[in-house]
Amino acid sequence: MKKIFPLSHQKHKPERVIEAIKNDIRKYLKRERSKKLPEEADYWDFNCRFGRESDQADTLHSAEIIPAIDKAYEEKWVQCYIEIIAKPAKREVKVEQGDDVEEVGDSTD
C-alpha cells in the first residue's frame, strides 16, 4: 500500500477521518498477515514509511504507524503519506549468554 491520506474532509469531523484512516491501516495489515506464507518464512514483516509527502517519509515499525497518525493530526498536517510493503521473514534464534542466565533452585540459603 502506498497512499496519501487527507487528514480533513468537508463533510466529516476530523476525528472520524483519523479513525477511518486507522481502520484502513489495521484492515490492510490484517489482510496481509492472513495471506499464505512461503515455506521458508515464519511471519509477515512490513517495510513501513510515513511522512507528509513520499519524498519526506521516514522509516517506521508497523506498530508506530497509528501513533504517527495521531501525531500528524495534532500537528495539523493537511495530509500524510503511508507506505506499507509486506515481505516474508524468518525469525532469528536468540542466543542466551551464560553469565546472564541464573539457574533456579541452586541457592544455598
N, C-alpha and C. Protein backbone atom coordinates (compact mmCIF):
# COMPACT_ATOMS: atom_id res chain seq x y z
N MET A 1 0.85 -1.17 0.00
CA MET A 1 0.00 0.00 0.00
C MET A 1 0.90 1.23 0.00
N LYS A 2 0.65 2.08 -0.94
CA LYS A 2 1.31 3.39 -0.99
C LYS A 2 0.19 4.39 -1.23
N LYS A 3 -0.06 5.23 -0.23
CA LYS A 3 -1.23 6.08 -0.35
C LYS A 3 -1.04 7.39 0.41
N ILE A 4 -1.62 8.45 -0.13
CA ILE A 4 -1.67 9.74 0.55
C ILE A 4 -3.08 9.89 1.11
N PHE A 5 -3.16 10.06 2.43
CA PHE A 5 -4.45 10.21 3.11
C PHE A 5 -4.66 11.67 3.47
N PRO A 6 -5.77 12.28 3.05
CA PRO A 6 -6.08 13.63 3.55
C PRO A 6 -6.56 13.52 5.00
N LEU A 7 -6.13 14.43 5.85
CA LEU A 7 -6.48 14.37 7.26
C LEU A 7 -7.70 15.22 7.61
N SER A 8 -8.37 15.75 6.59
CA SER A 8 -9.60 16.51 6.83
C SER A 8 -10.56 16.25 5.67
N HIS A 9 -11.84 16.53 5.93
CA HIS A 9 -12.86 16.34 4.92
C HIS A 9 -13.95 17.37 5.16
N GLN A 10 -14.58 17.85 4.11
CA GLN A 10 -15.58 18.90 4.24
C GLN A 10 -16.81 18.43 5.02
N LYS A 11 -17.24 17.20 4.82
CA LYS A 11 -18.47 16.72 5.42
C LYS A 11 -18.29 15.95 6.73
N HIS A 12 -17.09 15.54 7.03
CA HIS A 12 -16.85 14.70 8.21
C HIS A 12 -15.99 15.42 9.24
N LYS A 13 -16.21 15.06 10.50
CA LYS A 13 -15.38 15.61 11.57
C LYS A 13 -13.97 15.04 11.45
N PRO A 14 -12.97 15.83 11.81
CA PRO A 14 -11.58 15.35 11.69
C PRO A 14 -11.30 14.06 12.48
N GLU A 15 -11.93 13.93 13.64
CA GLU A 15 -11.71 12.73 14.46
C GLU A 15 -12.18 11.47 13.73
N ARG A 16 -13.31 11.59 12.99
CA ARG A 16 -13.84 10.44 12.24
C ARG A 16 -12.95 10.12 11.05
N VAL A 17 -12.36 11.14 10.43
CA VAL A 17 -11.45 10.91 9.31
C VAL A 17 -10.21 10.16 9.79
N ILE A 18 -9.67 10.57 10.94
CA ILE A 18 -8.49 9.90 11.51
C ILE A 18 -8.82 8.46 11.86
N GLU A 19 -9.98 8.21 12.47
CA GLU A 19 -10.37 6.85 12.81
C GLU A 19 -10.54 5.99 11.55
N ALA A 20 -11.06 6.56 10.47
CA ALA A 20 -11.22 5.83 9.22
C ALA A 20 -9.85 5.45 8.64
N ILE A 21 -8.89 6.34 8.73
CA ILE A 21 -7.53 6.04 8.25
C ILE A 21 -6.92 4.91 9.06
N LYS A 22 -7.04 4.99 10.38
CA LYS A 22 -6.52 3.94 11.25
C LYS A 22 -7.17 2.60 10.94
N ASN A 23 -8.48 2.63 10.70
CA ASN A 23 -9.20 1.41 10.37
C ASN A 23 -8.68 0.81 9.06
N ASP A 24 -8.45 1.64 8.06
CA ASP A 24 -7.90 1.16 6.79
C ASP A 24 -6.53 0.50 6.98
N ILE A 25 -5.69 1.12 7.81
CA ILE A 25 -4.35 0.58 8.08
C ILE A 25 -4.47 -0.78 8.77
N ARG A 26 -5.30 -0.86 9.80
CA ARG A 26 -5.47 -2.12 10.53
C ARG A 26 -6.02 -3.22 9.62
N LYS A 27 -7.00 -2.88 8.78
CA LYS A 27 -7.57 -3.87 7.86
C LYS A 27 -6.52 -4.36 6.86
N TYR A 28 -5.70 -3.45 6.36
CA TYR A 28 -4.66 -3.84 5.40
C TYR A 28 -3.64 -4.78 6.07
N LEU A 29 -3.19 -4.43 7.28
CA LEU A 29 -2.22 -5.28 7.97
C LEU A 29 -2.82 -6.66 8.25
N LYS A 30 -4.06 -6.70 8.68
CA LYS A 30 -4.71 -7.98 8.97
C LYS A 30 -4.83 -8.82 7.69
N ARG A 31 -5.22 -8.20 6.58
CA ARG A 31 -5.37 -8.90 5.31
C ARG A 31 -4.02 -9.46 4.85
N GLU A 32 -2.96 -8.67 4.97
CA GLU A 32 -1.64 -9.13 4.54
C GLU A 32 -1.12 -10.25 5.44
N ARG A 33 -1.38 -10.17 6.73
CA ARG A 33 -0.92 -11.22 7.66
C ARG A 33 -1.65 -12.54 7.44
N SER A 34 -2.85 -12.48 6.90
CA SER A 34 -3.62 -13.71 6.70
C SER A 34 -3.26 -14.42 5.39
N LYS A 35 -2.45 -13.81 4.56
CA LYS A 35 -2.04 -14.45 3.30
C LYS A 35 -1.12 -15.62 3.60
N LYS A 36 -1.09 -16.56 2.68
CA LYS A 36 -0.26 -17.74 2.83
C LYS A 36 1.22 -17.37 2.76
N LEU A 37 1.99 -17.90 3.70
CA LEU A 37 3.43 -17.64 3.75
C LEU A 37 4.19 -18.60 2.86
N PRO A 38 5.32 -18.16 2.29
CA PRO A 38 6.21 -19.10 1.60
C PRO A 38 6.78 -20.10 2.62
N GLU A 39 7.22 -21.24 2.16
CA GLU A 39 7.70 -22.29 3.07
C GLU A 39 8.88 -21.85 3.94
N GLU A 40 9.75 -21.02 3.42
CA GLU A 40 10.95 -20.64 4.17
C GLU A 40 10.70 -19.50 5.17
N ALA A 41 9.49 -18.98 5.22
CA ALA A 41 9.18 -17.83 6.08
C ALA A 41 8.34 -18.26 7.29
N ASP A 42 8.50 -17.49 8.41
CA ASP A 42 7.74 -17.74 9.63
C ASP A 42 6.60 -16.74 9.83
N TYR A 43 6.78 -15.54 9.34
CA TYR A 43 5.79 -14.48 9.56
C TYR A 43 5.92 -13.41 8.49
N TRP A 44 4.93 -12.53 8.44
CA TRP A 44 4.98 -11.39 7.52
C TRP A 44 5.58 -10.20 8.25
N ASP A 45 6.61 -9.63 7.67
CA ASP A 45 7.22 -8.41 8.18
C ASP A 45 6.78 -7.28 7.25
N PHE A 46 6.86 -6.04 7.75
CA PHE A 46 6.41 -4.92 6.94
C PHE A 46 7.47 -3.84 6.89
N ASN A 47 7.74 -3.35 5.69
CA ASN A 47 8.56 -2.17 5.49
C ASN A 47 7.60 -0.99 5.46
N CYS A 48 7.71 -0.10 6.44
CA CYS A 48 6.75 1.00 6.56
C CYS A 48 7.47 2.34 6.50
N ARG A 49 6.82 3.28 5.82
CA ARG A 49 7.31 4.66 5.76
C ARG A 49 6.13 5.58 6.00
N PHE A 50 6.40 6.73 6.65
CA PHE A 50 5.35 7.68 7.00
C PHE A 50 5.91 9.09 6.92
N GLY A 51 5.15 10.01 6.35
CA GLY A 51 5.58 11.40 6.27
C GLY A 51 4.53 12.28 5.61
N ARG A 52 4.86 13.56 5.45
CA ARG A 52 3.94 14.49 4.80
C ARG A 52 3.80 14.18 3.31
N GLU A 53 4.90 13.84 2.69
CA GLU A 53 4.95 13.51 1.26
C GLU A 53 5.79 12.25 1.10
N SER A 54 5.74 11.64 -0.07
CA SER A 54 6.50 10.41 -0.30
C SER A 54 8.01 10.64 -0.23
N ASP A 55 8.47 11.80 -0.65
CA ASP A 55 9.91 12.08 -0.61
C ASP A 55 10.39 12.48 0.78
N GLN A 56 9.48 12.81 1.69
CA GLN A 56 9.84 13.19 3.07
C GLN A 56 9.54 12.09 4.07
N ALA A 57 9.15 10.91 3.62
CA ALA A 57 8.72 9.84 4.51
C ALA A 57 9.90 9.20 5.24
N ASP A 58 9.69 8.92 6.52
CA ASP A 58 10.68 8.25 7.35
C ASP A 58 10.28 6.80 7.56
N THR A 59 11.26 5.94 7.79
CA THR A 59 11.01 4.53 8.04
C THR A 59 10.52 4.35 9.47
N LEU A 60 9.46 3.55 9.63
CA LEU A 60 8.88 3.25 10.93
C LEU A 60 8.62 1.76 11.05
N HIS A 61 8.44 1.31 12.29
CA HIS A 61 7.96 -0.05 12.54
C HIS A 61 6.44 -0.03 12.37
N SER A 62 5.86 -1.14 12.02
CA SER A 62 4.41 -1.18 11.76
C SER A 62 3.59 -0.77 12.99
N ALA A 63 4.09 -1.03 14.18
CA ALA A 63 3.37 -0.66 15.40
C ALA A 63 3.42 0.85 15.66
N GLU A 64 4.28 1.57 14.99
CA GLU A 64 4.43 3.01 15.21
C GLU A 64 3.59 3.86 14.25
N ILE A 65 2.89 3.23 13.31
CA ILE A 65 2.13 3.99 12.32
C ILE A 65 0.93 4.68 12.94
N ILE A 66 0.15 3.98 13.76
CA ILE A 66 -1.05 4.55 14.37
C ILE A 66 -0.70 5.75 15.26
N PRO A 67 0.31 5.64 16.15
CA PRO A 67 0.70 6.84 16.91
C PRO A 67 1.22 7.97 16.02
N ALA A 68 1.85 7.64 14.90
CA ALA A 68 2.33 8.67 13.98
C ALA A 68 1.17 9.42 13.33
N ILE A 69 0.08 8.72 13.06
CA ILE A 69 -1.12 9.37 12.51
C ILE A 69 -1.69 10.35 13.53
N ASP A 70 -1.74 9.93 14.79
CA ASP A 70 -2.22 10.82 15.86
C ASP A 70 -1.35 12.06 15.97
N LYS A 71 -0.04 11.87 15.89
CA LYS A 71 0.89 13.00 15.97
C LYS A 71 0.71 13.95 14.79
N ALA A 72 0.50 13.41 13.61
CA ALA A 72 0.27 14.24 12.42
C ALA A 72 -1.01 15.06 12.58
N TYR A 73 -2.03 14.45 13.14
CA TYR A 73 -3.29 15.17 13.38
C TYR A 73 -3.09 16.30 14.40
N GLU A 74 -2.35 16.02 15.47
CA GLU A 74 -2.09 17.04 16.49
C GLU A 74 -1.28 18.19 15.93
N GLU A 75 -0.38 17.90 14.99
CA GLU A 75 0.44 18.94 14.37
C GLU A 75 -0.28 19.61 13.20
N LYS A 76 -1.54 19.24 12.96
CA LYS A 76 -2.41 19.85 11.95
C LYS A 76 -1.87 19.72 10.53
N TRP A 77 -1.37 18.52 10.20
CA TRP A 77 -0.96 18.25 8.83
C TRP A 77 -2.20 18.24 7.94
N VAL A 78 -2.05 18.61 6.69
CA VAL A 78 -3.14 18.58 5.73
C VAL A 78 -3.34 17.15 5.21
N GLN A 79 -2.24 16.44 5.01
CA GLN A 79 -2.27 15.07 4.51
C GLN A 79 -1.07 14.31 5.04
N CYS A 80 -1.11 12.99 4.89
CA CYS A 80 0.06 12.18 5.27
C CYS A 80 0.22 11.05 4.24
N TYR A 81 1.46 10.69 4.02
CA TYR A 81 1.81 9.61 3.10
C TYR A 81 2.14 8.38 3.93
N ILE A 82 1.51 7.25 3.60
CA ILE A 82 1.77 6.00 4.30
C ILE A 82 2.11 4.94 3.27
N GLU A 83 3.22 4.26 3.52
CA GLU A 83 3.66 3.17 2.64
C GLU A 83 3.88 1.94 3.51
N ILE A 84 3.21 0.85 3.16
CA ILE A 84 3.37 -0.41 3.88
C ILE A 84 3.55 -1.51 2.85
N ILE A 85 4.71 -2.15 2.88
CA ILE A 85 5.04 -3.22 1.96
C ILE A 85 5.29 -4.49 2.77
N ALA A 86 4.51 -5.53 2.51
CA ALA A 86 4.67 -6.80 3.22
C ALA A 86 5.80 -7.61 2.60
N LYS A 87 6.55 -8.30 3.47
CA LYS A 87 7.61 -9.18 2.99
C LYS A 87 7.69 -10.38 3.93
N PRO A 88 7.91 -11.57 3.40
CA PRO A 88 8.06 -12.73 4.28
C PRO A 88 9.38 -12.66 5.03
N ALA A 89 9.37 -13.11 6.28
CA ALA A 89 10.58 -13.07 7.09
C ALA A 89 10.69 -14.33 7.94
N LYS A 90 11.89 -14.60 8.40
CA LYS A 90 12.16 -15.76 9.24
C LYS A 90 12.71 -15.27 10.57
N ARG A 91 12.20 -15.82 11.65
CA ARG A 91 12.65 -15.44 12.98
C ARG A 91 14.08 -15.93 13.21
N GLU A 92 14.86 -15.11 13.89
CA GLU A 92 16.22 -15.49 14.23
C GLU A 92 16.23 -16.03 15.65
N VAL A 93 17.04 -17.04 15.90
CA VAL A 93 17.14 -17.65 17.23
C VAL A 93 18.00 -16.75 18.11
N LYS A 94 17.48 -16.43 19.28
CA LYS A 94 18.24 -15.62 20.23
C LYS A 94 19.16 -16.52 21.02
N VAL A 95 20.41 -16.09 21.18
CA VAL A 95 21.41 -16.87 21.91
C VAL A 95 21.51 -16.28 23.31
N GLU A 96 21.36 -17.16 24.32
CA GLU A 96 21.48 -16.71 25.71
C GLU A 96 22.94 -16.73 26.11
N GLN A 97 23.36 -15.71 26.82
CA GLN A 97 24.74 -15.65 27.31
C GLN A 97 24.80 -16.34 28.66
N GLY A 98 25.84 -17.11 28.90
CA GLY A 98 25.99 -17.91 30.13
C GLY A 98 26.05 -17.07 31.39
N ASP A 99 26.60 -15.86 31.34
CA ASP A 99 26.72 -15.03 32.53
C ASP A 99 25.38 -14.44 32.96
N ASP A 100 24.48 -14.22 32.03
CA ASP A 100 23.21 -13.58 32.32
C ASP A 100 22.13 -14.56 32.80
N VAL A 101 22.35 -15.84 32.59
CA VAL A 101 21.34 -16.83 32.93
C VAL A 101 21.55 -17.27 34.37
N GLU A 102 20.49 -17.19 35.17
CA GLU A 102 20.57 -17.62 36.57
C GLU A 102 19.80 -18.92 36.70
N GLU A 103 20.39 -19.91 37.31
CA GLU A 103 19.71 -21.19 37.45
C GLU A 103 18.81 -21.16 38.67
N VAL A 104 17.65 -21.77 38.56
CA VAL A 104 16.67 -21.80 39.64
C VAL A 104 16.94 -23.01 40.51
N GLY A 105 16.78 -22.87 41.83
CA GLY A 105 16.96 -24.00 42.76
C GLY A 105 18.41 -24.23 43.12
N ASP A 106 19.31 -23.33 42.86
CA ASP A 106 20.72 -23.51 43.13
C ASP A 106 21.17 -22.60 44.28
N SER A 107 20.20 -22.12 45.09
CA SER A 107 20.57 -21.23 46.18
C SER A 107 21.02 -22.00 47.41
N THR A 108 21.90 -21.42 48.20
CA THR A 108 22.44 -22.07 49.39
C THR A 108 22.09 -21.26 50.62
N ASP A 109 20.81 -20.90 50.77
CA ASP A 109 20.38 -20.11 51.90
C ASP A 109 20.43 -20.84 53.19
